[in-house]
Amino acid sequence: VWLEDTLKLFNVPIDDYIPFCEYFVIPYLLWFPFVGWG
């Protein structure tokens, strides 16, 4: 009850099937110059 009142969580079941892959941090960080360029 305390947790739900404090923070609304948006985790969904499909998130558990998406593996962590650190290499995607590169395109994630490229977002900044990408938006700036646009």
PDB file of all heavy atoms in Angstrom:
ATOM      1  N   VAL A   1       0.838  -1.197   0.000  1.00  0.00           N
ATOM      2  CA  VAL A   1       0.000   0.000   0.000  1.00  0.00           C
ATOM      3  C   VAL A   1       0.877   1.252   0.000  1.00  0.00           C
ATOM      4  O   VAL A   1       0.636   2.205  -0.758  1.00  0.00           O
ATOM      5  CB  VAL A   1      -0.935   0.010   1.225  1.00  0.00           C
ATOM      6  CG1 VAL A   1      -1.658   1.355   1.328  1.00  0.00           C
ATOM      7  CG2 VAL A   1      -1.944  -1.126   1.125  1.00  0.00           C
ATOM      8  N   TRP A   2       1.914   1.243   0.848  1.00  0.00           N
ATOM      9  CA  TRP A   2       2.818   2.384   0.907  1.00  0.00           C
ATOM     10  C   TRP A   2       3.515   2.597  -0.428  1.00  0.00           C
ATOM     11  O   TRP A   2       3.648   3.731  -0.918  1.00  0.00           O
ATOM     12  CB  TRP A   2       3.864   2.151   2.001  1.00  0.00           C
ATOM     13  CG  TRP A   2       4.948   3.196   2.020  1.00  0.00           C
ATOM     14  CD1 TRP A   2       4.896   4.428   2.601  1.00  0.00           C
ATOM     15  CD2 TRP A   2       6.238   3.112   1.394  1.00  0.00           C
ATOM     16  NE1 TRP A   2       6.062   5.112   2.384  1.00  0.00           N
ATOM     17  CE2 TRP A   2       6.908   4.331   1.652  1.00  0.00           C
ATOM     18  CE3 TRP A   2       6.886   2.123   0.653  1.00  0.00           C
ATOM     19  CZ2 TRP A   2       8.195   4.583   1.189  1.00  0.00           C
ATOM     20  CZ3 TRP A   2       8.168   2.371   0.186  1.00  0.00           C
ATOM     21  CH2 TRP A   2       8.812   3.589   0.449  1.00  0.00           C
ATOM     22  N   LEU A   3       3.971   1.517  -1.045  1.00  0.00           N
ATOM     23  CA  LEU A   3       4.692   1.596  -2.308  1.00  0.00           C
ATOM     24  C   LEU A   3       3.814   2.159  -3.408  1.00  0.00           C
ATOM     25  O   LEU A   3       4.231   3.045  -4.165  1.00  0.00           O
ATOM     26  CB  LEU A   3       5.205   0.205  -2.696  1.00  0.00           C
ATOM     27  CG  LEU A   3       6.106   0.119  -3.932  1.00  0.00           C
ATOM     28  CD1 LEU A   3       7.374   0.922  -3.709  1.00  0.00           C
ATOM     29  CD2 LEU A   3       6.437  -1.327  -4.245  1.00  0.00           C
ATOM     30  N   GLU A   4       2.590   1.667  -3.496  1.00  0.00           N
ATOM     31  CA  GLU A   4       1.689   2.133  -4.535  1.00  0.00           C
ATOM     32  C   GLU A   4       1.294   3.593  -4.332  1.00  0.00           C
ATOM     33  O   GLU A   4       1.105   4.339  -5.293  1.00  0.00           O
ATOM     34  CB  GLU A   4       0.439   1.244  -4.574  1.00  0.00           C
ATOM     35  CG  GLU A   4       0.723  -0.167  -5.066  1.00  0.00           C
ATOM     36  CD  GLU A   4      -0.498  -1.061  -4.984  1.00  0.00           C
ATOM     37  OE1 GLU A   4      -1.586  -0.548  -4.653  1.00  0.00           O
ATOM     38  OE2 GLU A   4      -0.376  -2.265  -5.256  1.00  0.00           O
ATOM     39  N   ASP A   5       1.162   3.999  -3.057  1.00  0.00           N
ATOM     40  CA  ASP A   5       0.821   5.389  -2.773  1.00  0.00           C
ATOM     41  C   ASP A   5       1.991   6.325  -3.048  1.00  0.00           C
ATOM     42  O   ASP A   5       1.800   7.500  -3.371  1.00  0.00           O
ATOM     43  CB  ASP A   5       0.398   5.550  -1.305  1.00  0.00           C
ATOM     44  CG  ASP A   5      -0.962   4.943  -1.042  1.00  0.00           C
ATOM     45  OD1 ASP A   5      -1.697   4.702  -2.010  1.00  0.00           O
ATOM     46  OD2 ASP A   5      -1.273   4.694   0.147  1.00  0.00           O
ATOM     47  N   THR A   6       3.204   5.820  -2.893  1.00  0.00           N
ATOM     48  CA  THR A   6       4.397   6.651  -3.038  1.00  0.00           C
ATOM     49  C   THR A   6       4.822   6.824  -4.483  1.00  0.00           C
ATOM     50  O   THR A   6       5.202   7.907  -4.913  1.00  0.00           O
ATOM     51  CB  THR A   6       5.567   6.048  -2.242  1.00  0.00           C
ATOM     52  OG1 THR A   6       5.174   5.894  -0.883  1.00  0.00           O
ATOM     53  CG2 THR A   6       6.798   6.943  -2.316  1.00  0.00           C
ATOM     54  N   LEU A   7       4.765   5.756  -5.236  1.00  0.00           N
ATOM     55  CA  LEU A   7       5.283   5.784  -6.603  1.00  0.00           C
ATOM     56  C   LEU A   7       4.436   4.919  -7.518  1.00  0.00           C
ATOM     57  O   LEU A   7       4.174   3.761  -7.227  1.00  0.00           O
ATOM     58  CB  LEU A   7       6.731   5.273  -6.615  1.00  0.00           C
ATOM     59  CG  LEU A   7       7.487   5.325  -7.923  1.00  0.00           C
ATOM     60  CD1 LEU A   7       7.722   6.772  -8.340  1.00  0.00           C
ATOM     61  CD2 LEU A   7       8.815   4.605  -7.798  1.00  0.00           C
ATOM     62  N   LYS A   8       4.001   5.490  -8.622  1.00  0.00           N
ATOM     63  CA  LYS A   8       3.241   4.729  -9.603  1.00  0.00           C
ATOM     64  C   LYS A   8       4.224   4.018 -10.527  1.00  0.00           C
ATOM     65  O   LYS A   8       5.080   4.660 -11.135  1.00  0.00           O
ATOM     66  CB  LYS A   8       2.344   5.647 -10.424  1.00  0.00           C
ATOM     67  CG  LYS A   8       1.074   6.075  -9.714  1.00  0.00           C
ATOM     68  CD  LYS A   8       1.325   7.060  -8.596  1.00  0.00           C
ATOM     69  CE  LYS A   8       0.027   7.514  -7.943  1.00  0.00           C
ATOM     70  NZ  LYS A   8       0.281   8.462  -6.843  1.00  0.00           N
ATOM     71  N   LEU A   9       4.099   2.718 -10.639  1.00  0.00           N
ATOM     72  CA  LEU A   9       5.043   1.926 -11.435  1.00  0.00           C
ATOM     73  C   LEU A   9       4.426   1.560 -12.777  1.00  0.00           C
ATOM     74  O   LEU A   9       3.266   1.209 -12.856  1.00  0.00           O
ATOM     75  CB  LEU A   9       5.433   0.663 -10.681  1.00  0.00           C
ATOM     76  CG  LEU A   9       5.987   0.895  -9.266  1.00  0.00           C
ATOM     77  CD1 LEU A   9       6.269  -0.443  -8.607  1.00  0.00           C
ATOM     78  CD2 LEU A   9       7.246   1.721  -9.327  1.00  0.00           C
ATOM     79  N   PHE A  10       5.251   1.613 -13.821  1.00  0.00           N
ATOM     80  CA  PHE A  10       4.753   1.302 -15.147  1.00  0.00           C
ATOM     81  C   PHE A  10       5.476   0.107 -15.766  1.00  0.00           C
ATOM     82  O   PHE A  10       5.569  -0.013 -16.975  1.00  0.00           O
ATOM     83  CB  PHE A  10       4.885   2.529 -16.062  1.00  0.00           C
ATOM     84  CG  PHE A  10       3.932   3.624 -15.711  1.00  0.00           C
ATOM     85  CD1 PHE A  10       4.390   4.807 -15.166  1.00  0.00           C
ATOM     86  CD2 PHE A  10       2.579   3.461 -15.904  1.00  0.00           C
ATOM     87  CE1 PHE A  10       3.511   5.825 -14.837  1.00  0.00           C
ATOM     88  CE2 PHE A  10       1.684   4.471 -15.580  1.00  0.00           C
ATOM     89  CZ  PHE A  10       2.152   5.652 -15.045  1.00  0.00           C
ATOM     90  N   ASN A  11       5.992  -0.762 -14.930  1.00  0.00           N
ATOM     91  CA  ASN A  11       6.587  -1.994 -15.447  1.00  0.00           C
ATOM     92  C   ASN A  11       5.476  -2.889 -15.991  1.00  0.00           C
ATOM     93  O   ASN A  11       4.422  -3.020 -15.375  1.00  0.00           O
ATOM     94  CB  ASN A  11       7.321  -2.751 -14.344  1.00  0.00           C
ATOM     95  CG  ASN A  11       8.500  -1.968 -13.798  1.00  0.00           C
ATOM     96  OD1 ASN A  11       8.611  -0.779 -14.025  1.00  0.00           O
ATOM     97  ND2 ASN A  11       9.359  -2.639 -13.066  1.00  0.00           N
ATOM     98  N   VAL A  12       5.708  -3.503 -17.131  1.00  0.00           N
ATOM     99  CA  VAL A  12       4.749  -4.436 -17.715  1.00  0.00           C
ATOM    100  C   VAL A  12       5.462  -5.771 -17.940  1.00  0.00           C
ATOM    101  O   VAL A  12       6.699  -5.823 -18.028  1.00  0.00           O
ATOM    102  CB  VAL A  12       4.181  -3.895 -19.041  1.00  0.00           C
ATOM    103  CG1 VAL A  12       3.289  -2.677 -18.782  1.00  0.00           C
ATOM    104  CG2 VAL A  12       5.293  -3.524 -20.016  1.00  0.00           C
ATOM    105  N   PRO A  13       4.715  -6.874 -18.001  1.00  0.00           N
ATOM    106  CA  PRO A  13       5.339  -8.207 -18.115  1.00  0.00           C
ATOM    107  C   PRO A  13       6.367  -8.346 -19.230  1.00  0.00           C
ATOM    108  O   PRO A  13       7.384  -9.029 -19.063  1.00  0.00           O
ATOM    109  CB  PRO A  13       4.134  -9.120 -18.358  1.00  0.00           C
ATOM    110  CG  PRO A  13       3.012  -8.437 -17.653  1.00  0.00           C
ATOM    111  CD  PRO A  13       3.257  -6.961 -17.878  1.00  0.00           C
ATOM    112  N   ILE A  14       6.143  -7.688 -20.364  1.00  0.00           N
ATOM    113  CA  ILE A  14       7.069  -7.843 -21.497  1.00  0.00           C
ATOM    114  C   ILE A  14       8.460  -7.308 -21.159  1.00  0.00           C
ATOM    115  O   ILE A  14       9.460  -7.742 -21.743  1.00  0.00           O
ATOM    116  CB  ILE A  14       6.516  -7.131 -22.756  1.00  0.00           C
ATOM    117  CG1 ILE A  14       7.298  -7.580 -24.000  1.00  0.00           C
ATOM    118  CG2 ILE A  14       6.552  -5.628 -22.594  1.00  0.00           C
ATOM    119  CD1 ILE A  14       6.708  -7.070 -25.297  1.00  0.00           C
ATOM    120  N   ASP A  15       8.555  -6.398 -20.187  1.00  0.00           N
ATOM    121  CA  ASP A  15       9.859  -5.852 -19.792  1.00  0.00           C
ATOM    122  C   ASP A  15      10.792  -6.939 -19.271  1.00  0.00           C
ATOM    123  O   ASP A  15      12.014  -6.847 -19.428  1.00  0.00           O
ATOM    124  CB  ASP A  15       9.691  -4.786 -18.710  1.00  0.00           C
ATOM    125  CG  ASP A  15       9.015  -3.528 -19.230  1.00  0.00           C
ATOM    126  OD1 ASP A  15       9.288  -3.155 -20.386  1.00  0.00           O
ATOM    127  OD2 ASP A  15       8.218  -2.935 -18.490  1.00  0.00           O
ATOM    128  N   ASP A  16      10.219  -7.975 -18.653  1.00  0.00           N
ATOM    129  CA  ASP A  16      11.030  -9.065 -18.099  1.00  0.00           C
ATOM    130  C   ASP A  16      11.685  -9.910 -19.183  1.00  0.00           C
ATOM    131  O   ASP A  16      12.642 -10.636 -18.915  1.00  0.00           O
ATOM    132  CB  ASP A  16      10.163  -9.966 -17.205  1.00  0.00           C
ATOM    133  CG  ASP A  16       9.633  -9.222 -15.988  1.00  0.00           C
ATOM    134  OD1 ASP A  16      10.307  -8.282 -15.534  1.00  0.00           O
ATOM    135  OD2 ASP A  16       8.544  -9.579 -15.505  1.00  0.00           O
ATOM    136  N   TYR A  17      11.168  -9.828 -20.402  1.00  0.00           N
ATOM    137  CA  TYR A  17      11.706 -10.619 -21.512  1.00  0.00           C
ATOM    138  C   TYR A  17      12.676  -9.828 -22.384  1.00  0.00           C
ATOM    139  O   TYR A  17      13.237 -10.370 -23.335  1.00  0.00           O
ATOM    140  CB  TYR A  17      10.555 -11.152 -22.379  1.00  0.00           C
ATOM    141  CG  TYR A  17       9.650 -12.108 -21.639  1.00  0.00           C
ATOM    142  CD1 TYR A  17       8.478 -11.657 -21.027  1.00  0.00           C
ATOM    143  CD2 TYR A  17       9.969 -13.466 -21.526  1.00  0.00           C
ATOM    144  CE1 TYR A  17       7.645 -12.529 -20.335  1.00  0.00           C
ATOM    145  CE2 TYR A  17       9.153 -14.344 -20.838  1.00  0.00           C
ATOM    146  CZ  TYR A  17       7.992 -13.863 -20.244  1.00  0.00           C
ATOM    147  OH  TYR A  17       7.185 -14.737 -19.552  1.00  0.00           O
ATOM    148  N   ILE A  18      12.841  -8.560 -22.076  1.00  0.00           N
ATOM    149  CA  ILE A  18      13.783  -7.726 -22.833  1.00  0.00           C
ATOM    150  C   ILE A  18      15.120  -7.752 -22.100  1.00  0.00           C
ATOM    151  O   ILE A  18      15.221  -7.261 -20.975  1.00  0.00           O
ATOM    152  CB  ILE A  18      13.273  -6.273 -22.946  1.00  0.00           C
ATOM    153  CG1 ILE A  18      11.934  -6.240 -23.664  1.00  0.00           C
ATOM    154  CG2 ILE A  18      14.308  -5.416 -23.691  1.00  0.00           C
ATOM    155  CD1 ILE A  18      11.297  -4.858 -23.711  1.00  0.00           C
ATOM    156  N   PRO A  19      16.159  -8.324 -22.695  1.00  0.00           N
ATOM    157  CA  PRO A  19      17.451  -8.444 -21.998  1.00  0.00           C
ATOM    158  C   PRO A  19      18.187  -7.115 -21.907  1.00  0.00           C
ATOM    159  O   PRO A  19      17.964  -6.205 -22.718  1.00  0.00           O
ATOM    160  CB  PRO A  19      18.224  -9.434 -22.879  1.00  0.00           C
ATOM    161  CG  PRO A  19      17.677  -9.184 -24.253  1.00  0.00           C
ATOM    162  CD  PRO A  19      16.215  -8.902 -24.051  1.00  0.00           C
ATOM    163  N   PHE A  20      19.030  -7.012 -20.912  1.00  0.00           N
ATOM    164  CA  PHE A  20      19.892  -5.832 -20.808  1.00  0.00           C
ATOM    165  C   PHE A  20      21.036  -5.979 -21.795  1.00  0.00           C
ATOM    166  O   PHE A  20      21.681  -7.026 -21.878  1.00  0.00           O
ATOM    167  CB  PHE A  20      20.452  -5.704 -19.390  1.00  0.00           C
ATOM    168  CG  PHE A  20      21.499  -4.629 -19.262  1.00  0.00           C
ATOM    169  CD1 PHE A  20      21.138  -3.303 -19.143  1.00  0.00           C
ATOM    170  CD2 PHE A  20      22.853  -4.962 -19.285  1.00  0.00           C
ATOM    171  CE1 PHE A  20      22.100  -2.304 -19.033  1.00  0.00           C
ATOM    172  CE2 PHE A  20      23.819  -3.972 -19.178  1.00  0.00           C
ATOM    173  CZ  PHE A  20      23.443  -2.642 -19.053  1.00  0.00           C
ATOM    174  N   CYS A  21      21.305  -4.930 -22.558  1.00  0.00           N
ATOM    175  CA  CYS A  21      22.419  -4.940 -23.517  1.00  0.00           C
ATOM    176  C   CYS A  21      23.103  -3.586 -23.470  1.00  0.00           C
ATOM    177  O   CYS A  21      22.556  -2.582 -23.957  1.00  0.00           O
ATOM    178  CB  CYS A  21      21.918  -5.241 -24.931  1.00  0.00           C
ATOM    179  SG  CYS A  21      23.247  -5.300 -26.157  1.00  0.00           S
ATOM    180  N   GLU A  22      24.281  -3.557 -22.863  1.00  0.00           N
ATOM    181  CA  GLU A  22      24.947  -2.279 -22.616  1.00  0.00           C
ATOM    182  C   GLU A  22      25.349  -1.535 -23.881  1.00  0.00           C
ATOM    183  O   GLU A  22      25.507  -0.311 -23.868  1.00  0.00           O
ATOM    184  CB  GLU A  22      26.193  -2.498 -21.746  1.00  0.00           C
ATOM    185  CG  GLU A  22      27.371  -3.185 -22.428  1.00  0.00           C
ATOM    186  CD  GLU A  22      27.322  -4.703 -22.298  1.00  0.00           C
ATOM    187  OE1 GLU A  22      26.229  -5.228 -22.014  1.00  0.00           O
ATOM    188  OE2 GLU A  22      28.377  -5.347 -22.469  1.00  0.00           O
ATOM    189  N   TYR A  23      25.483  -2.254 -25.004  1.00  0.00           N
ATOM    190  CA  TYR A  23      25.943  -1.602 -26.235  1.00  0.00           C
ATOM    191  C   TYR A  23      24.933  -0.587 -26.771  1.00  0.00           C
ATOM    192  O   TYR A  23      25.288   0.315 -27.537  1.00  0.00           O
ATOM    193  CB  TYR A  23      26.267  -2.658 -27.290  1.00  0.00           C
ATOM    194  CG  TYR A  23      27.330  -3.626 -26.832  1.00  0.00           C
ATOM    195  CD1 TYR A  23      27.019  -4.951 -26.531  1.00  0.00           C
ATOM    196  CD2 TYR A  23      28.648  -3.194 -26.654  1.00  0.00           C
ATOM    197  CE1 TYR A  23      27.989  -5.831 -26.067  1.00  0.00           C
ATOM    198  CE2 TYR A  23      29.626  -4.065 -26.201  1.00  0.00           C
ATOM    199  CZ  TYR A  23      29.292  -5.377 -25.911  1.00  0.00           C
ATOM    200  OH  TYR A  23      30.254  -6.242 -25.451  1.00  0.00           O
ATOM    201  N   PHE A  24      23.691  -0.731 -26.365  1.00  0.00           N
ATOM    202  CA  PHE A  24      22.672   0.213 -26.811  1.00  0.00           C
ATOM    203  C   PHE A  24      22.814   1.574 -26.139  1.00  0.00           C
ATOM    204  O   PHE A  24      22.101   2.514 -26.503  1.00  0.00           O
ATOM    205  CB  PHE A  24      21.272  -0.357 -26.556  1.00  0.00           C
ATOM    206  CG  PHE A  24      20.769  -1.239 -27.660  1.00  0.00           C
ATOM    207  CD1 PHE A  24      20.934  -2.606 -27.596  1.00  0.00           C
ATOM    208  CD2 PHE A  24      20.148  -0.694 -28.776  1.00  0.00           C
ATOM    209  CE1 PHE A  24      20.479  -3.431 -28.616  1.00  0.00           C
ATOM    210  CE2 PHE A  24      19.692  -1.499 -29.803  1.00  0.00           C
ATOM    211  CZ  PHE A  24      19.850  -2.873 -29.728  1.00  0.00           C
ATOM    212  N   VAL A  25      23.737   1.694 -25.175  1.00  0.00           N
ATOM    213  CA  VAL A  25      23.951   3.002 -24.559  1.00  0.00           C
ATOM    214  C   VAL A  25      24.514   3.990 -25.592  1.00  0.00           C
ATOM    215  O   VAL A  25      24.343   5.198 -25.455  1.00  0.00           O
ATOM    216  CB  VAL A  25      24.900   2.888 -23.340  1.00  0.00           C
ATOM    217  CG1 VAL A  25      26.337   2.638 -23.784  1.00  0.00           C
ATOM    218  CG2 VAL A  25      24.817   4.144 -22.469  1.00  0.00           C
ATOM    219  N   ILE A  26      25.160   3.461 -26.631  1.00  0.00           N
ATOM    220  CA  ILE A  26      25.744   4.334 -27.661  1.00  0.00           C
ATOM    221  C   ILE A  26      24.658   5.079 -28.435  1.00  0.00           C
ATOM    222  O   ILE A  26      24.677   6.317 -28.499  1.00  0.00           O
ATOM    223  CB  ILE A  26      26.661   3.530 -28.592  1.00  0.00           C
ATOM    224  CG1 ILE A  26      27.859   2.999 -27.796  1.00  0.00           C
ATOM    225  CG2 ILE A  26      27.139   4.399 -29.763  1.00  0.00           C
ATOM    226  CD1 ILE A  26      28.777   2.083 -28.578  1.00  0.00           C
ATOM    227  N   PRO A  27      23.673   4.375 -29.041  1.00  0.00           N
ATOM    228  CA  PRO A  27      22.609   5.145 -29.697  1.00  0.00           C
ATOM    229  C   PRO A  27      21.786   5.973 -28.711  1.00  0.00           C
ATOM    230  O   PRO A  27      21.277   7.038 -29.068  1.00  0.00           O
ATOM    231  CB  PRO A  27      21.744   4.075 -30.380  1.00  0.00           C
ATOM    232  CG  PRO A  27      22.082   2.797 -29.690  1.00  0.00           C
ATOM    233  CD  PRO A  27      23.522   2.937 -29.298  1.00  0.00           C
ATOM    234  N   TYR A  28      21.681   5.494 -27.470  1.00  0.00           N
ATOM    235  CA  TYR A  28      20.936   6.259 -26.466  1.00  0.00           C
ATOM    236  C   TYR A  28      21.582   7.628 -26.255  1.00  0.00           C
ATOM    237  O   TYR A  28      20.895   8.654 -26.209  1.00  0.00           O
ATOM    238  CB  TYR A  28      20.902   5.499 -25.146  1.00  0.00           C
ATOM    239  CG  TYR A  28      20.027   6.152 -24.092  1.00  0.00           C
ATOM    240  CD1 TYR A  28      18.672   5.864 -24.012  1.00  0.00           C
ATOM    241  CD2 TYR A  28      20.572   7.068 -23.191  1.00  0.00           C
ATOM    242  CE1 TYR A  28      17.864   6.475 -23.053  1.00  0.00           C
ATOM    243  CE2 TYR A  28      19.769   7.688 -22.234  1.00  0.00           C
ATOM    244  CZ  TYR A  28      18.424   7.379 -22.169  1.00  0.00           C
ATOM    245  OH  TYR A  28      17.637   7.994 -21.220  1.00  0.00           O
ATOM    246  N   LEU A  29      22.901   7.667 -26.156  1.00  0.00           N
ATOM    247  CA  LEU A  29      23.613   8.928 -25.957  1.00  0.00           C
ATOM    248  C   LEU A  29      23.670   9.762 -27.238  1.00  0.00           C
ATOM    249  O   LEU A  29      23.770  10.996 -27.173  1.00  0.00           O
ATOM    250  CB  LEU A  29      25.029   8.654 -25.444  1.00  0.00           C
ATOM    251  CG  LEU A  29      25.111   8.016 -24.051  1.00  0.00           C
ATOM    252  CD1 LEU A  29      26.562   7.708 -23.691  1.00  0.00           C
ATOM    253  CD2 LEU A  29      24.486   8.933 -22.993  1.00  0.00           C
ATOM    254  N   LEU A  30      23.593   9.097 -28.393  1.00  0.00           N
ATOM    255  CA  LEU A  30      23.586   9.834 -29.658  1.00  0.00           C
ATOM    256  C   LEU A  30      22.304  10.640 -29.833  1.00  0.00           C
ATOM    257  O   LEU A  30      22.229  11.512 -30.714  1.00  0.00           O
ATOM    258  CB  LEU A  30      23.752   8.862 -30.838  1.00  0.00           C
ATOM    259  CG  LEU A  30      25.157   8.284 -31.045  1.00  0.00           C
ATOM    260  CD1 LEU A  30      25.139   7.266 -32.178  1.00  0.00           C
ATOM    261  CD2 LEU A  30      26.154   9.396 -31.345  1.00  0.00           C
ATOM    262  N   TRP A  31      21.311  10.352 -29.001  1.00  0.00           N
ATOM    263  CA  TRP A  31      20.054  11.101 -29.042  1.00  0.00           C
ATOM    264  C   TRP A  31      20.295  12.601 -28.867  1.00  0.00           C
ATOM    265  O   TRP A  31      19.660  13.420 -29.539  1.00  0.00           O
ATOM    266  CB  TRP A  31      19.137  10.588 -27.931  1.00  0.00           C
ATOM    267  CG  TRP A  31      17.855  11.335 -27.761  1.00  0.00           C
ATOM    268  CD1 TRP A  31      16.697  11.162 -28.462  1.00  0.00           C
ATOM    269  CD2 TRP A  31      17.580  12.374 -26.797  1.00  0.00           C
ATOM    270  NE1 TRP A  31      15.712  12.016 -27.998  1.00  0.00           N
ATOM    271  CE2 TRP A  31      16.242  12.774 -26.975  1.00  0.00           C
ATOM    272  CE3 TRP A  31      18.349  12.983 -25.805  1.00  0.00           C
ATOM    273  CZ2 TRP A  31      15.648  13.763 -26.194  1.00  0.00           C
ATOM    274  CZ3 TRP A  31      17.759  13.971 -25.029  1.00  0.00           C
ATOM    275  CH2 TRP A  31      16.424  14.349 -25.216  1.00  0.00           C
ATOM    276  N   PHE A  32      21.233  12.972 -28.008  1.00  0.00           N
ATOM    277  CA  PHE A  32      21.470  14.382 -27.720  1.00  0.00           C
ATOM    278  C   PHE A  32      21.944  15.150 -28.954  1.00  0.00           C
ATOM    279  O   PHE A  32      21.341  16.171 -29.312  1.00  0.00           O
ATOM    280  CB  PHE A  32      22.459  14.522 -26.555  1.00  0.00           C
ATOM    281  CG  PHE A  32      21.921  13.954 -25.263  1.00  0.00           C
ATOM    282  CD1 PHE A  32      22.234  12.661 -24.866  1.00  0.00           C
ATOM    283  CD2 PHE A  32      21.089  14.714 -24.459  1.00  0.00           C
ATOM    284  CE1 PHE A  32      21.732  12.139 -23.680  1.00  0.00           C
ATOM    285  CE2 PHE A  32      20.578  14.200 -23.269  1.00  0.00           C
ATOM    286  CZ  PHE A  32      20.899  12.906 -22.881  1.00  0.00           C
ATOM    287  N   PRO A  33      23.011  14.706 -29.645  1.00  0.00           N
ATOM    288  CA  PRO A  33      23.402  15.427 -30.861  1.00  0.00           C
ATOM    289  C   PRO A  33      22.385  15.256 -31.990  1.00  0.00           C
ATOM    290  O   PRO A  33      22.240  16.147 -32.838  1.00  0.00           O
ATOM    291  CB  PRO A  33      24.755  14.806 -31.234  1.00  0.00           C
ATOM    292  CG  PRO A  33      24.767  13.476 -30.564  1.00  0.00           C
ATOM    293  CD  PRO A  33      24.004  13.659 -29.299  1.00  0.00           C
ATOM    294  N   PHE A  34      21.667  14.130 -31.996  1.00  0.00           N
ATOM    295  CA  PHE A  34      20.665  13.871 -33.039  1.00  0.00           C
ATOM    296  C   PHE A  34      19.556  14.916 -32.981  1.00  0.00           C
ATOM    297  O   PHE A  34      19.196  15.529 -33.994  1.00  0.00           O
ATOM    298  CB  PHE A  34      20.102  12.467 -32.845  1.00  0.00           C
ATOM    299  CG  PHE A  34      19.012  12.084 -33.815  1.00  0.00           C
ATOM    300  CD1 PHE A  34      19.210  12.197 -35.182  1.00  0.00           C
ATOM    301  CD2 PHE A  34      17.797  11.597 -33.345  1.00  0.00           C
ATOM    302  CE1 PHE A  34      18.210  11.824 -36.083  1.00  0.00           C
ATOM    303  CE2 PHE A  34      16.801  11.221 -34.229  1.00  0.00           C
ATOM    304  CZ  PHE A  34      16.996  11.331 -35.601  1.00  0.00           C
ATOM    305  N   VAL A  35      19.025  15.149 -31.799  1.00  0.00           N
ATOM    306  CA  VAL A  35      17.958  16.141 -31.636  1.00  0.00           C
ATOM    307  C   VAL A  35      18.499  17.549 -31.905  1.00  0.00           C
ATOM    308  O   VAL A  35      17.840  18.362 -32.575  1.00  0.00           O
ATOM    309  CB  VAL A  35      17.349  16.062 -30.216  1.00  0.00           C
ATOM    310  CG1 VAL A  35      16.368  17.211 -29.983  1.00  0.00           C
ATOM    311  CG2 VAL A  35      16.636  14.728 -30.019  1.00  0.00           C
ATOM    312  N   GLY A  36      19.706  17.817 -31.419  1.00  0.00           N
ATOM    313  CA  GLY A  36      20.310  19.122 -31.661  1.00  0.00           C
ATOM    314  C   GLY A  36      20.512  19.388 -33.134  1.00  0.00           C
ATOM    315  O   GLY A  36      20.249  20.503 -33.623  1.00  0.00           O
ATOM    316  N   TRP A  37      20.980  18.370 -33.861  1.00  0.00           N
ATOM    317  CA  TRP A  37      21.186  18.511 -35.312  1.00  0.00           C
ATOM    318  C   TRP A  37      19.868  18.785 -36.017  1.00  0.00           C
ATOM    319  O   TRP A  37      19.778  19.662 -36.886  1.00  0.00           O
ATOM    320  CB  TRP A  37      21.812  17.234 -35.878  1.00  0.00           C
ATOM    321  CG  TRP A  37      21.729  17.170 -37.374  1.00  0.00           C
ATOM    322  CD1 TRP A  37      22.533  17.817 -38.269  1.00  0.00           C
ATOM    323  CD2 TRP A  37      20.754  16.450 -38.154  1.00  0.00           C
ATOM    324  NE1 TRP A  37      22.128  17.540 -39.558  1.00  0.00           N
ATOM    325  CE2 TRP A  37      21.048  16.699 -39.515  1.00  0.00           C
ATOM    326  CE3 TRP A  37      19.682  15.615 -37.833  1.00  0.00           C
ATOM    327  CZ2 TRP A  37      20.284  16.159 -40.535  1.00  0.00           C
ATOM    328  CZ3 TRP A  37      18.922  15.072 -38.843  1.00  0.00           C
ATOM    329  CH2 TRP A  37      19.220  15.336 -40.193  1.00  0.00           C
ATOM    330  N   GLY A  38      18.821  18.046 -35.649  1.00  0.00           N
ATOM    331  CA  GLY A  38      17.526  18.219 -36.305  1.00  0.00           C
ATOM    332  C   GLY A  38      16.979  19.621 -36.119  1.00  0.00           C
ATOM    333  O   GLY A  38      16.503  20.255 -37.081  1.00  0.00           O
TER     334      GLY A  38
END
